[in-house]
Amino acid sequence: MIRNILSIDVEEIFHIEYARHVDKRDLSYRTPYNIPFILELLSEQDVSATFFIVGEIAEKFPEIITMIVKEGHEVAFHSYDHKLLWMKNPKQLEAEIEKFNELLMPITKDGCMGFRAPSFSLDNKTRWALEVFDRTQILYDSSIFPTWTALYGVPRAPAKPYKPSENDLAVEDFDGKVWEFPLTTYSFFKLRVPAAGGFYLRLMPSLVRKAVKKLNKHGLPAVIYIHSWELDSETPKLKLNPYKSFVTYHNIGKTVEFFKRLLSDFEFISFIEYMKAREMC
């Protein structure tokens, strides 16, 4: 059986792009409450995962890192404040990774090996991040949707793990230094549809399952993600416009059900486990 890759994006509901202008004064952090539930869920399904954590959450609740590592999961970086990459520059990102590593080292005895850009904001405008990854010893990234969406995507990028060129993220460079793990899509002829989890799992659970099966049939791993707040029964309900509210909350009450079925029907491991098994690091 092909082993797929599972990731949990650890962030608060007020970190999401659609909530950037929401008044956050009355919102509390839910991470200390939902992470224990998620860890128990993964343990029940005998699944390991990579937790991409927003740095300011890790700084505020270091015990969360300890819990995750103790349960045998990988901790990776999801930026320090969940601001999009095109709102930053190379020096800022490098400083953030170094700061995150300072939090990790006392707990994991090692630095961060993986990165995911907030809202998948790695594209050819922000490809400077690859050089930052190399300088900070990031081994892999998982930020590219190999399709087009209104918010993100690199349409011509490979749909399998590859080393991207620093000149064009859609071009494979066999001598590249950083591995890219694109998020899962499902192909209809020449059209690729996002099918990697998150909103797509809540909207089209059957399509996500088909995408995993199709990739596995070709010997490739699916790269699946879910947000910690999507698995939280007490996630705050923000006042958003109809479109943003639909994307954020559609079927959120069924997320755990959809997620459990996915975990029970396919095999999942963390990014670093997959890389070590394939001798990619």
Protein backbone atom coordinates (compact mmCIF):
# COMPACT_ATOMS: atom_id res chain seq x y z
CA MET A 1 0.00 0.00 0.00
CA ILE A 2 1.24 3.48 -0.87
CA ARG A 3 1.89 5.64 2.17
CA ASN A 4 0.40 9.10 1.81
CA ILE A 5 1.44 12.26 3.65
CA LEU A 6 -0.73 13.94 6.27
CA SER A 7 -0.30 17.46 7.62
CA ILE A 8 -2.11 19.52 10.24
CA ASP A 9 -1.89 23.30 9.84
CA VAL A 10 -1.92 24.58 13.42
CA GLU A 11 -3.42 28.05 13.35
CA GLU A 12 -6.32 29.96 14.86
CA ILE A 13 -9.48 30.91 13.00
CA PHE A 14 -8.39 34.55 13.19
CA HIS A 15 -5.16 33.71 11.31
CA ILE A 16 -6.95 32.81 8.10
CA GLU A 17 -6.74 35.17 5.13
CA TYR A 18 -10.48 35.86 5.15
CA ALA A 19 -10.34 37.02 8.76
CA ARG A 20 -7.52 39.52 8.32
CA HIS A 21 -9.82 42.48 8.99
CA VAL A 22 -11.96 40.87 11.70
CA ASP A 23 -11.88 42.41 15.18
CA LYS A 24 -9.92 39.85 17.18
CA ARG A 25 -10.17 41.43 20.61
CA ASP A 26 -12.89 39.07 21.79
CA LEU A 27 -11.35 35.92 20.26
CA SER A 28 -9.38 33.46 22.37
CA TYR A 29 -6.82 30.85 21.37
CA ARG A 30 -8.30 27.42 20.79
CA THR A 31 -5.05 25.56 20.08
CA PRO A 32 -4.50 24.28 23.67
CA TYR A 33 -7.96 22.70 23.50
CA ASN A 34 -8.09 21.24 19.99
CA ILE A 35 -4.57 19.79 19.72
CA PRO A 36 -5.12 17.13 22.45
CA PHE A 37 -8.28 16.03 20.62
CA ILE A 38 -6.43 15.84 17.28
CA LEU A 39 -3.58 13.85 18.81
CA GLU A 40 -6.07 11.40 20.30
CA LEU A 41 -7.82 11.07 16.95
CA LEU A 42 -4.53 10.31 15.17
CA SER A 43 -3.57 7.81 17.86
CA GLU A 44 -6.87 5.98 17.45
CA GLN A 45 -6.23 5.67 13.72
CA ASP A 46 -2.53 4.78 14.24
CA VAL A 47 -1.49 7.68 11.99
CA SER A 48 1.53 9.96 12.16
CA ALA A 49 1.49 13.48 10.73
CA THR A 50 3.42 16.69 10.25
CA PHE A 51 2.15 19.66 12.26
CA PHE A 52 2.86 22.97 10.51
CA ILE A 53 2.69 25.42 13.40
CA VAL A 54 2.31 29.20 13.31
CA GLY A 55 5.29 30.53 15.28
CA GLU A 56 3.43 32.87 17.59
CA ILE A 57 1.27 29.94 18.74
CA ALA A 58 4.37 27.86 19.43
CA GLU A 59 5.86 30.76 21.38
CA LYS A 60 2.68 31.25 23.41
CA PHE A 61 2.08 27.53 24.04
CA PRO A 62 5.40 25.63 23.91
CA GLU A 63 3.73 22.72 25.67
CA ILE A 64 1.88 22.06 22.41
CA ILE A 65 5.18 21.27 20.68
CA THR A 66 6.10 18.92 23.52
CA MET A 67 2.76 17.10 23.22
CA ILE A 68 3.08 16.70 19.46
CA VAL A 69 6.67 15.44 19.58
CA LYS A 70 5.91 13.08 22.48
CA GLU A 71 3.23 11.42 20.36
CA GLY A 72 5.76 10.77 17.59
CA HIS A 73 4.72 13.45 15.12
CA GLU A 74 6.83 15.95 13.20
CA VAL A 75 6.82 19.70 13.90
CA ALA A 76 7.34 22.05 10.94
CA PHE A 77 6.97 25.79 10.32
CA HIS A 78 3.93 27.72 9.07
CA SER A 79 5.38 31.26 9.33
CA TYR A 80 5.42 33.29 12.52
CA ASP A 81 2.24 35.32 12.05
CA HIS A 82 0.46 33.66 9.09
CA LYS A 83 1.01 36.66 6.84
CA LEU A 84 1.38 35.84 3.16
CA LEU A 85 4.87 35.49 1.71
CA TRP A 86 4.38 38.44 -0.64
CA MET A 87 3.93 40.61 2.45
CA LYS A 88 7.48 39.73 3.55
CA ASN A 89 11.07 39.72 2.29
CA PRO A 90 13.92 37.18 2.50
CA LYS A 91 15.48 38.68 5.63
CA GLN A 92 12.17 38.58 7.49
CA LEU A 93 11.48 34.96 6.58
CA GLU A 94 14.99 33.87 7.49
CA ALA A 95 14.72 35.61 10.89
CA GLU A 96 11.36 33.91 11.49
CA ILE A 97 12.75 30.44 10.75
CA GLU A 98 15.72 31.05 13.05
CA LYS A 99 13.40 32.27 15.82
CA PHE A 100 11.18 29.20 15.40
CA ASN A 101 14.23 26.95 15.60
CA GLU A 102 15.16 28.57 18.90
CA LEU A 103 11.79 27.43 20.24
CA LEU A 104 12.19 23.93 18.84
CA MET A 105 15.75 23.09 19.85
CA PRO A 106 15.17 22.69 23.61
CA ILE A 107 12.31 20.30 22.87
CA THR A 108 13.22 18.42 19.68
CA LYS A 109 17.05 18.78 19.84
CA ASP A 110 16.91 19.59 16.16
CA GLY A 111 15.87 22.41 13.86
CA CYS A 112 12.82 22.66 11.64
CA MET A 113 13.05 20.65 8.42
CA GLY A 114 9.82 21.64 6.67
CA PHE A 115 7.85 24.73 5.71
CA ARG A 116 4.38 25.60 4.45
CA ALA A 117 3.57 29.13 3.35
CA PRO A 118 0.39 30.71 4.76
CA SER A 119 -2.47 30.33 2.28
CA PHE A 120 -0.06 28.47 -0.03
CA SER A 121 1.52 31.81 -0.99
CA LEU A 122 4.66 30.38 -2.56
CA ASP A 123 4.65 31.15 -6.28
CA ASN A 124 6.99 32.62 -8.86
CA LYS A 125 6.68 36.05 -7.26
CA THR A 126 7.94 34.68 -3.95
CA ARG A 127 10.34 32.03 -5.23
CA TRP A 128 13.11 33.88 -3.36
CA ALA A 129 11.98 31.70 -0.45
CA LEU A 130 13.91 28.75 -1.93
CA GLU A 131 17.20 30.49 -1.24
CA VAL A 132 16.08 31.18 2.32
CA PHE A 133 15.20 27.50 2.76
CA ASP A 134 18.67 26.51 1.62
CA ARG A 135 20.36 28.94 4.03
CA THR A 136 18.26 27.79 6.98
CA GLN A 137 18.56 24.06 6.18
CA ILE A 138 14.91 23.55 5.34
CA LEU A 139 14.79 20.20 3.52
CA TYR A 140 11.32 20.42 2.04
CA ASP A 141 8.40 22.72 1.34
CA SER A 142 4.73 21.94 0.82
CA SER A 143 3.16 25.19 -0.35
CA ILE A 144 2.39 24.72 -4.02
CA PHE A 145 -0.99 23.86 -5.46
CA PRO A 146 -0.21 22.71 -9.03
CA THR A 147 -3.30 24.44 -10.39
CA TRP A 148 -4.91 27.88 -10.50
CA THR A 149 -7.20 29.31 -7.82
CA ALA A 150 -8.27 32.88 -7.12
CA LEU A 151 -5.86 33.07 -4.17
CA TYR A 152 -2.92 30.80 -4.97
CA GLY A 153 -1.42 28.21 -7.29
CA VAL A 154 1.38 27.38 -9.74
CA PRO A 155 -0.63 25.90 -12.64
CA ARG A 156 2.20 24.24 -14.57
CA ALA A 157 3.97 22.72 -11.57
CA PRO A 158 4.43 18.94 -11.38
CA ALA A 159 1.80 17.07 -9.41
CA LYS A 160 4.40 14.84 -7.74
CA PRO A 161 7.30 15.47 -5.32
CA TYR A 162 10.07 17.30 -7.17
CA LYS A 163 12.93 19.77 -6.77
CA PRO A 164 11.84 23.13 -8.24
CA SER A 165 14.08 25.47 -10.18
CA GLU A 166 14.92 28.72 -8.41
CA ASN A 167 14.10 30.49 -11.70
CA ASP A 168 10.67 28.93 -12.24
CA LEU A 169 8.80 26.88 -9.63
CA ALA A 170 6.94 25.02 -12.38
CA VAL A 171 10.21 23.59 -13.73
CA GLU A 172 11.88 20.56 -12.17
CA ASP A 173 15.58 20.93 -11.34
CA PHE A 174 17.19 17.58 -10.60
CA ASP A 175 20.10 19.40 -8.98
CA GLY A 176 17.83 21.52 -6.80
CA LYS A 177 18.42 21.67 -3.06
CA VAL A 178 14.87 21.70 -1.66
CA TRP A 179 12.12 19.16 -2.21
CA GLU A 180 8.63 20.41 -3.01
CA PHE A 181 5.59 18.33 -2.09
CA PRO A 182 2.67 19.80 -4.09
CA LEU A 183 -0.79 19.61 -2.60
CA THR A 184 -3.07 16.99 -4.10
CA THR A 185 -5.21 17.76 -7.12
CA TYR A 186 -7.57 15.66 -9.22
CA SER A 187 -7.26 15.79 -12.99
CA PHE A 188 -10.18 15.96 -15.40
CA PHE A 189 -8.44 15.68 -18.76
CA LYS A 190 -6.21 18.80 -18.67
CA LEU A 191 -8.07 20.48 -15.79
CA ARG A 192 -6.69 20.09 -12.27
CA VAL A 193 -9.06 20.54 -9.34
CA PRO A 194 -7.78 21.06 -5.76
CA ALA A 195 -8.46 17.93 -3.70
CA ALA A 196 -6.00 18.10 -0.81
CA GLY A 197 -8.23 18.40 2.23
CA GLY A 198 -9.31 21.47 4.17
CA PHE A 199 -12.23 23.21 2.46
CA TYR A 200 -12.01 20.71 -0.40
CA LEU A 201 -12.55 17.79 1.97
CA ARG A 202 -15.57 19.54 3.48
CA LEU A 203 -16.97 20.39 0.04
CA MET A 204 -16.15 17.25 -1.96
CA PRO A 205 -15.04 14.35 0.30
CA SER A 206 -15.65 11.80 -2.45
CA LEU A 207 -13.42 13.71 -4.88
CA VAL A 208 -10.59 13.83 -2.33
CA ARG A 209 -10.85 10.07 -1.96
CA LYS A 210 -10.78 9.62 -5.72
CA ALA A 211 -7.71 11.83 -5.95
CA VAL A 212 -5.86 9.77 -3.34
CA LYS A 213 -6.75 6.52 -5.10
CA LYS A 214 -5.69 7.86 -8.48
CA LEU A 215 -2.31 9.06 -7.22
CA ASN A 216 -1.71 5.79 -5.35
CA LYS A 217 -2.57 3.82 -8.48
CA HIS A 218 0.34 5.60 -10.16
CA GLY A 219 2.65 4.92 -7.22
CA LEU A 220 2.53 8.51 -5.91
CA PRO A 221 1.64 9.80 -2.44
CA ALA A 222 -1.27 12.14 -1.86
CA VAL A 223 -0.42 15.22 0.22
CA ILE A 224 -3.38 15.97 2.48
CA TYR A 225 -3.88 18.81 4.96
CA ILE A 226 -6.45 19.92 7.49
CA HIS A 227 -6.56 22.99 9.73
CA SER A 228 -6.66 22.48 13.48
CA TRP A 229 -9.65 24.84 13.73
CA GLU A 230 -11.60 22.70 11.24
CA LEU A 231 -11.49 19.80 13.71
CA ASP A 232 -12.60 21.94 16.66
CA SER A 233 -16.28 21.69 17.62
CA GLU A 234 -16.06 25.09 19.33
CA THR A 235 -14.37 27.11 16.58
CA PRO A 236 -15.70 30.69 16.83
CA LYS A 237 -18.16 31.83 14.17
CA LEU A 238 -16.80 34.99 12.58
CA LYS A 239 -18.92 37.58 10.81
CA LEU A 240 -17.86 37.21 7.17
CA ASN A 241 -19.49 37.93 3.84
CA PRO A 242 -21.49 35.03 2.30
CA TYR A 243 -18.67 33.76 0.08
CA LYS A 244 -15.99 33.85 2.79
CA SER A 245 -18.38 32.34 5.31
CA PHE A 246 -19.15 29.47 2.91
CA VAL A 247 -15.47 28.69 2.32
CA THR A 248 -14.69 28.89 6.03
CA TYR A 249 -17.64 27.07 7.56
CA HIS A 250 -19.33 24.86 4.95
CA ASN A 251 -19.81 21.38 6.41
CA ILE A 252 -17.43 22.17 9.28
CA GLY A 253 -19.59 20.08 11.61
CA LYS A 254 -18.83 17.03 9.43
CA THR A 255 -15.08 17.57 9.15
CA VAL A 256 -14.19 15.03 11.84
CA GLU A 257 -16.42 12.43 10.21
CA PHE A 258 -14.90 13.00 6.74
CA PHE A 259 -11.39 13.10 8.18
CA LYS A 260 -11.76 9.86 10.15
CA ARG A 261 -12.99 8.01 7.09
CA LEU A 262 -10.03 9.24 5.06
CA LEU A 263 -7.58 8.12 7.75
CA SER A 264 -9.19 4.70 8.09
CA ASP A 265 -9.20 3.97 4.34
CA PHE A 266 -5.66 5.10 3.46
CA GLU A 267 -2.24 4.93 5.07
CA PHE A 268 -0.67 8.21 6.19
CA ILE A 269 2.71 9.25 7.58
CA SER A 270 4.60 12.51 8.11
CA PHE A 271 6.73 14.27 5.52
CA ILE A 272 10.01 13.42 7.22
CA GLU A 273 9.04 9.75 7.58
CA TYR A 274 8.23 9.61 3.89
CA MET A 275 11.53 11.28 2.97
CA LYS A 276 13.58 8.96 5.16
CA ALA A 277 11.83 5.90 3.75
CA ARG A 278 12.57 7.10 0.20
CA GLU A 279 16.11 8.22 1.11
CA MET A 280 15.29 11.79 0.09
CA CYS A 281 17.20 13.31 3.00
